């Protein structure tokens, strides 16, 4: 990671010159001060078999790292077949919704959980595939809506690890 922290454009940049913060992150993806030990970032742009994406994302969710799980889903969304992009995008939205709900974003968390639930259901209805790669699409949508309602009702952040869904 190259850093251009002086001058007019004081943004960190990756090797390709794209703006990308080099700040360490916590388990929920929040930036920490430079020099602080953070959680290792999920590598980006990794092409995995769909089953491996589900397995890796579940391990990250189980560890209380939904932000990192979202990055796995995002890789699948960007590298997978066109006909599955809505599924993977919806799964990424579910993981980001959990991330925001755990961060205490009481508006954005429920909103993203609802969008993700709608996206995965729309995909399943359109394809007739309700259990892709062993995932329970209807169960995930129900989980997301219940968690969104809980956050809205209690007005409190959730524990990412305790609130993580079972994908399969």
C-alpha atoms as a PDB file:
ATOM      1  CA  UNK A   1       0.000   0.000   0.000  1.00  0.00           C
ATOM      2  CA  UNK A   2       1.483   3.296  -1.057  1.00  0.00           C
ATOM      3  CA  UNK A   3       0.774   6.282   1.114  1.00  0.00           C
ATOM      4  CA  UNK A   4       0.584   9.872  -0.071  1.00  0.00           C
ATOM      5  CA  UNK A   5      -0.153  11.521   3.255  1.00  0.00           C
ATOM      6  CA  UNK A   6       1.260  14.946   2.396  1.00  0.00           C
ATOM      7  CA  UNK A   7       0.417  17.626  -0.087  1.00  0.00           C
ATOM      8  CA  UNK A   8      -2.948  18.392  -1.638  1.00  0.00           C
ATOM      9  CA  UNK A   9      -4.061  14.768  -2.013  1.00  0.00           C
ATOM     10  CA  UNK A  10      -3.210  13.314   1.400  1.00  0.00           C
ATOM     11  CA  UNK A  11      -5.058  10.060   0.791  1.00  0.00           C
ATOM     12  CA  UNK A  12      -3.609   6.602   1.051  1.00  0.00           C
ATOM     13  CA  UNK A  13      -3.448   4.785  -2.264  1.00  0.00           C
ATOM     14  CA  UNK A  14      -3.081   1.155  -3.248  1.00  0.00           C
ATOM     15  CA  UNK A  15      -0.495  -0.107  -5.730  1.00  0.00           C
ATOM     16  CA  UNK A  16      -2.850   0.746  -8.606  1.00  0.00           C
ATOM     17  CA  UNK A  17      -3.147   4.368  -7.468  1.00  0.00           C
ATOM     18  CA  UNK A  18      -6.738   4.003  -6.233  1.00  0.00           C
ATOM     19  CA  UNK A  19      -7.657   5.755  -3.005  1.00  0.00           C
ATOM     20  CA  UNK A  20      -7.715   3.181  -0.204  1.00  0.00           C
ATOM     21  CA  UNK A  21      -7.244   3.889   3.456  1.00  0.00           C
ATOM     22  CA  UNK A  22      -4.242   2.182   5.028  1.00  0.00           C
ATOM     23  CA  UNK A  23      -5.630   2.813   8.504  1.00  0.00           C
ATOM     24  CA  UNK A  24      -6.014  -0.314  10.585  1.00  0.00           C
ATOM     25  CA  UNK A  25      -9.585  -1.526  11.162  1.00  0.00           C
ATOM     26  CA  UNK A  26     -11.368  -3.185  14.046  1.00  0.00           C
ATOM     27  CA  UNK A  27     -13.418  -6.373  13.704  1.00  0.00           C
ATOM     28  CA  UNK A  28     -16.424  -4.400  12.452  1.00  0.00           C
ATOM     29  CA  UNK A  29     -14.379  -2.585   9.813  1.00  0.00           C
ATOM     30  CA  UNK A  30     -14.232   0.729  11.683  1.00  0.00           C
ATOM     31  CA  UNK A  31     -11.036   2.712  11.105  1.00  0.00           C
ATOM     32  CA  UNK A  32      -8.600   2.907  14.008  1.00  0.00           C
ATOM     33  CA  UNK A  33      -5.832   5.482  14.489  1.00  0.00           C
ATOM     34  CA  UNK A  34      -2.672   4.956  12.435  1.00  0.00           C
ATOM     35  CA  UNK A  35      -0.160   2.859  14.346  1.00  0.00           C
ATOM     36  CA  UNK A  36      -2.853   0.930  16.233  1.00  0.00           C
ATOM     37  CA  UNK A  37      -2.980  -2.837  15.898  1.00  0.00           C
ATOM     38  CA  UNK A  38      -6.110  -3.791  14.015  1.00  0.00           C
ATOM     39  CA  UNK A  39      -7.759  -6.851  12.566  1.00  0.00           C
ATOM     40  CA  UNK A  40      -6.148  -8.194   9.424  1.00  0.00           C
ATOM     41  CA  UNK A  41      -8.075  -7.129   6.345  1.00  0.00           C
ATOM     42  CA  UNK A  42      -9.842  -9.581   4.133  1.00  0.00           C
ATOM     43  CA  UNK A  43      -8.019  -9.791   0.794  1.00  0.00           C
ATOM     44  CA  UNK A  44     -10.021  -8.252  -2.038  1.00  0.00           C
ATOM     45  CA  UNK A  45     -10.626  -9.605  -5.504  1.00  0.00           C
ATOM     46  CA  UNK A  46     -10.287 -13.264  -4.558  1.00  0.00           C
ATOM     47  CA  UNK A  47     -12.093 -15.657  -6.883  1.00  0.00           C
ATOM     48  CA  UNK A  48     -13.508 -18.602  -4.932  1.00  0.00           C
ATOM     49  CA  UNK A  49     -15.863 -21.441  -5.714  1.00  0.00           C
ATOM     50  CA  UNK A  50     -19.342 -20.431  -4.488  1.00  0.00           C
ATOM     51  CA  UNK A  51     -19.318 -23.169  -1.817  1.00  0.00           C
ATOM     52  CA  UNK A  52     -15.987 -21.818  -0.542  1.00  0.00           C
ATOM     53  CA  UNK A  53     -17.384 -18.275  -0.405  1.00  0.00           C
ATOM     54  CA  UNK A  54     -20.271 -19.502   1.754  1.00  0.00           C
ATOM     55  CA  UNK A  55     -17.939 -21.461   4.042  1.00  0.00           C
ATOM     56  CA  UNK A  56     -15.484 -18.576   4.444  1.00  0.00           C
ATOM     57  CA  UNK A  57     -18.241 -16.016   5.005  1.00  0.00           C
ATOM     58  CA  UNK A  58     -19.839 -18.240   7.665  1.00  0.00           C
ATOM     59  CA  UNK A  59     -16.525 -18.565   9.518  1.00  0.00           C
ATOM     60  CA  UNK A  60     -16.168 -14.776   9.517  1.00  0.00           C
ATOM     61  CA  UNK A  61     -19.761 -14.276  10.682  1.00  0.00           C
ATOM     62  CA  UNK A  62     -19.219 -16.841  13.450  1.00  0.00           C
ATOM     63  CA  UNK A  63     -16.127 -14.871  14.524  1.00  0.00           C
ATOM     64  CA  UNK A  64     -18.159 -11.645  14.778  1.00  0.00           C
ATOM     65  CA  UNK A  65     -16.656 -10.142  11.614  1.00  0.00           C
ATOM     66  CA  UNK A  66     -19.606  -9.379   9.337  1.00  0.00           C
ATOM     67  CA  UNK A  67     -17.692  -6.564   7.610  1.00  0.00           C
ATOM     68  CA  UNK A  68     -15.130  -9.106   6.461  1.00  0.00           C
ATOM     69  CA  UNK A  69     -17.873 -11.561   5.439  1.00  0.00           C
ATOM     70  CA  UNK A  70     -19.342  -8.785   3.301  1.00  0.00           C
ATOM     71  CA  UNK A  71     -16.031  -8.549   1.433  1.00  0.00           C
ATOM     72  CA  UNK A  72     -16.151 -12.291   0.657  1.00  0.00           C
ATOM     73  CA  UNK A  73     -19.698 -11.897  -0.676  1.00  0.00           C
ATOM     74  CA  UNK A  74     -18.645  -8.841  -2.658  1.00  0.00           C
ATOM     75  CA  UNK A  75     -15.866 -10.840  -4.334  1.00  0.00           C
ATOM     76  CA  UNK A  76     -18.431 -13.510  -5.294  1.00  0.00           C
ATOM     77  CA  UNK A  77     -20.789 -10.817  -6.587  1.00  0.00           C
ATOM     78  CA  UNK A  78     -18.085  -9.273  -8.758  1.00  0.00           C
ATOM     79  CA  UNK A  79     -16.481 -12.490 -10.023  1.00  0.00           C
ATOM     80  CA  UNK A  80     -19.441 -14.842 -10.254  1.00  0.00           C
ATOM     81  CA  UNK A  81     -21.862 -15.477 -13.084  1.00  0.00           C
ATOM     82  CA  UNK A  82     -24.169 -12.628 -14.047  1.00  0.00           C
ATOM     83  CA  UNK A  83     -27.271 -14.662 -13.127  1.00  0.00           C
ATOM     84  CA  UNK A  84     -26.089 -14.904  -9.484  1.00  0.00           C
ATOM     85  CA  UNK A  85     -25.079 -11.289  -8.910  1.00  0.00           C
ATOM     86  CA  UNK A  86     -28.345 -10.319  -7.219  1.00  0.00           C
ATOM     87  CA  UNK A  87     -27.932 -13.209  -4.782  1.00  0.00           C
ATOM     88  CA  UNK A  88     -24.365 -12.301  -3.806  1.00  0.00           C
ATOM     89  CA  UNK A  89     -25.124  -8.570  -3.673  1.00  0.00           C
ATOM     90  CA  UNK A  90     -28.052  -9.317  -1.353  1.00  0.00           C
ATOM     91  CA  UNK A  91     -25.847 -11.477   0.877  1.00  0.00           C
ATOM     92  CA  UNK A  92     -23.283  -8.658   1.000  1.00  0.00           C
ATOM     93  CA  UNK A  93     -26.063  -6.255   2.025  1.00  0.00           C
ATOM     94  CA  UNK A  94     -27.129  -8.633   4.811  1.00  0.00           C
ATOM     95  CA  UNK A  95     -23.555  -8.736   6.140  1.00  0.00           C
ATOM     96  CA  UNK A  96     -23.208  -4.951   5.929  1.00  0.00           C
ATOM     97  CA  UNK A  97     -26.602  -4.553   7.609  1.00  0.00           C
ATOM     98  CA  UNK A  98     -25.375  -6.700  10.506  1.00  0.00           C
ATOM     99  CA  UNK A  99     -22.163  -4.653  10.565  1.00  0.00           C
ATOM    100  CA  UNK A 100     -24.095  -1.397  10.876  1.00  0.00           C
ATOM    101  CA  UNK A 101     -26.501  -2.843  13.447  1.00  0.00           C
ATOM    102  CA  UNK A 102     -23.501  -3.935  15.534  1.00  0.00           C
ATOM    103  CA  UNK A 103     -21.872  -0.503  15.147  1.00  0.00           C
ATOM    104  CA  UNK A 104     -25.029   1.117  16.507  1.00  0.00           C
ATOM    105  CA  UNK A 105     -26.273   2.578  13.225  1.00  0.00           C
ATOM    106  CA  UNK A 106     -29.938   2.206  14.160  1.00  0.00           C
ATOM    107  CA  UNK A 107     -31.224   3.503  10.818  1.00  0.00           C
ATOM    108  CA  UNK A 108     -28.740   2.126   8.299  1.00  0.00           C
ATOM    109  CA  UNK A 109     -28.505  -1.343   9.840  1.00  0.00           C
ATOM    110  CA  UNK A 110     -32.212  -2.182   9.568  1.00  0.00           C
ATOM    111  CA  UNK A 111     -32.453  -0.535   6.150  1.00  0.00           C
ATOM    112  CA  UNK A 112     -29.597  -2.643   4.730  1.00  0.00           C
ATOM    113  CA  UNK A 113     -30.947  -5.799   6.340  1.00  0.00           C
ATOM    114  CA  UNK A 114     -34.285  -5.130   4.621  1.00  0.00           C
ATOM    115  CA  UNK A 115     -32.657  -4.463   1.255  1.00  0.00           C
ATOM    116  CA  UNK A 116     -30.580  -7.609   1.507  1.00  0.00           C
ATOM    117  CA  UNK A 117     -33.609  -9.709   2.474  1.00  0.00           C
ATOM    118  CA  UNK A 118     -35.577  -8.340  -0.483  1.00  0.00           C
ATOM    119  CA  UNK A 119     -32.674  -8.945  -2.887  1.00  0.00           C
ATOM    120  CA  UNK A 120     -32.071 -12.586  -1.933  1.00  0.00           C
ATOM    121  CA  UNK A 121     -35.812 -13.332  -2.014  1.00  0.00           C
ATOM    122  CA  UNK A 122     -36.195 -11.627  -5.395  1.00  0.00           C
ATOM    123  CA  UNK A 123     -33.342 -13.734  -6.743  1.00  0.00           C
ATOM    124  CA  UNK A 124     -34.796 -16.965  -5.320  1.00  0.00           C
ATOM    125  CA  UNK A 125     -38.269 -16.225  -6.694  1.00  0.00           C
ATOM    126  CA  UNK A 126     -36.837 -15.448 -10.119  1.00  0.00           C
ATOM    127  CA  UNK A 127     -34.660 -18.540 -10.300  1.00  0.00           C
ATOM    128  CA  UNK A 128     -36.701 -20.968  -8.228  1.00  0.00           C
ATOM    129  CA  UNK A 129     -33.514 -21.705  -6.236  1.00  0.00           C
ATOM    130  CA  UNK A 130     -34.261 -21.332  -2.541  1.00  0.00           C
ATOM    131  CA  UNK A 131     -31.261 -23.374  -1.330  1.00  0.00           C
ATOM    132  CA  UNK A 132     -28.298 -22.293  -3.497  1.00  0.00           C
ATOM    133  CA  UNK A 133     -25.030 -23.832  -2.303  1.00  0.00           C
ATOM    134  CA  UNK A 134     -26.927 -25.207   0.704  1.00  0.00           C
ATOM    135  CA  UNK A 135     -27.987 -21.760   1.932  1.00  0.00           C
ATOM    136  CA  UNK A 136     -31.509 -21.246   3.250  1.00  0.00           C
ATOM    137  CA  UNK A 137     -32.594 -18.089   1.407  1.00  0.00           C
ATOM    138  CA  UNK A 138     -36.020 -17.882   3.069  1.00  0.00           C
ATOM    139  CA  UNK A 139     -34.445 -18.417   6.496  1.00  0.00           C
ATOM    140  CA  UNK A 140     -31.857 -15.696   5.847  1.00  0.00           C
ATOM    141  CA  UNK A 141     -34.550 -13.224   4.791  1.00  0.00           C
ATOM    142  CA  UNK A 142     -36.551 -14.047   7.940  1.00  0.00           C
ATOM    143  CA  UNK A 143     -33.422 -13.647  10.098  1.00  0.00           C
ATOM    144  CA  UNK A 144     -32.703 -10.250   8.535  1.00  0.00           C
ATOM    145  CA  UNK A 145     -36.219  -8.942   9.058  1.00  0.00           C
ATOM    146  CA  UNK A 146     -36.320 -10.159  12.672  1.00  0.00           C
ATOM    147  CA  UNK A 147     -32.945  -8.552  13.419  1.00  0.00           C
ATOM    148  CA  UNK A 148     -33.998  -5.286  11.755  1.00  0.00           C
ATOM    149  CA  UNK A 149     -37.191  -5.230  13.838  1.00  0.00           C
ATOM    150  CA  UNK A 150     -35.206  -5.947  17.019  1.00  0.00           C
ATOM    151  CA  UNK A 151     -32.806  -3.069  16.341  1.00  0.00           C
ATOM    152  CA  UNK A 152     -35.670  -0.686  15.576  1.00  0.00           C
ATOM    153  CA  UNK A 153     -37.640  -1.840  18.620  1.00  0.00           C
ATOM    154  CA  UNK A 154     -34.815  -1.765  21.171  1.00  0.00           C
ATOM    155  CA  UNK A 155     -32.860   1.153  19.757  1.00  0.00           C
ATOM    156  CA  UNK A 156     -29.680  -0.677  20.699  1.00  0.00           C
ATOM    157  CA  UNK A 157     -26.677  -2.091  18.883  1.00  0.00           C
ATOM    158  CA  UNK A 158     -26.479  -5.863  18.582  1.00  0.00           C
ATOM    159  CA  UNK A 159     -23.601  -8.212  19.242  1.00  0.00           C
ATOM    160  CA  UNK A 160     -22.334  -9.210  15.782  1.00  0.00           C
ATOM    161  CA  UNK A 161     -21.177 -12.648  16.869  1.00  0.00           C
ATOM    162  CA  UNK A 162     -24.319 -13.511  18.847  1.00  0.00           C
ATOM    163  CA  UNK A 163     -26.586 -12.168  16.099  1.00  0.00           C
ATOM    164  CA  UNK A 164     -24.831 -13.808  13.139  1.00  0.00           C
ATOM    165  CA  UNK A 165     -27.029 -15.901  10.853  1.00  0.00           C
ATOM    166  CA  UNK A 166     -26.546 -19.516   9.856  1.00  0.00           C
ATOM    167  CA  UNK A 167     -26.128 -19.484   6.088  1.00  0.00           C
ATOM    168  CA  UNK A 168     -26.687 -23.212   5.743  1.00  0.00           C
END
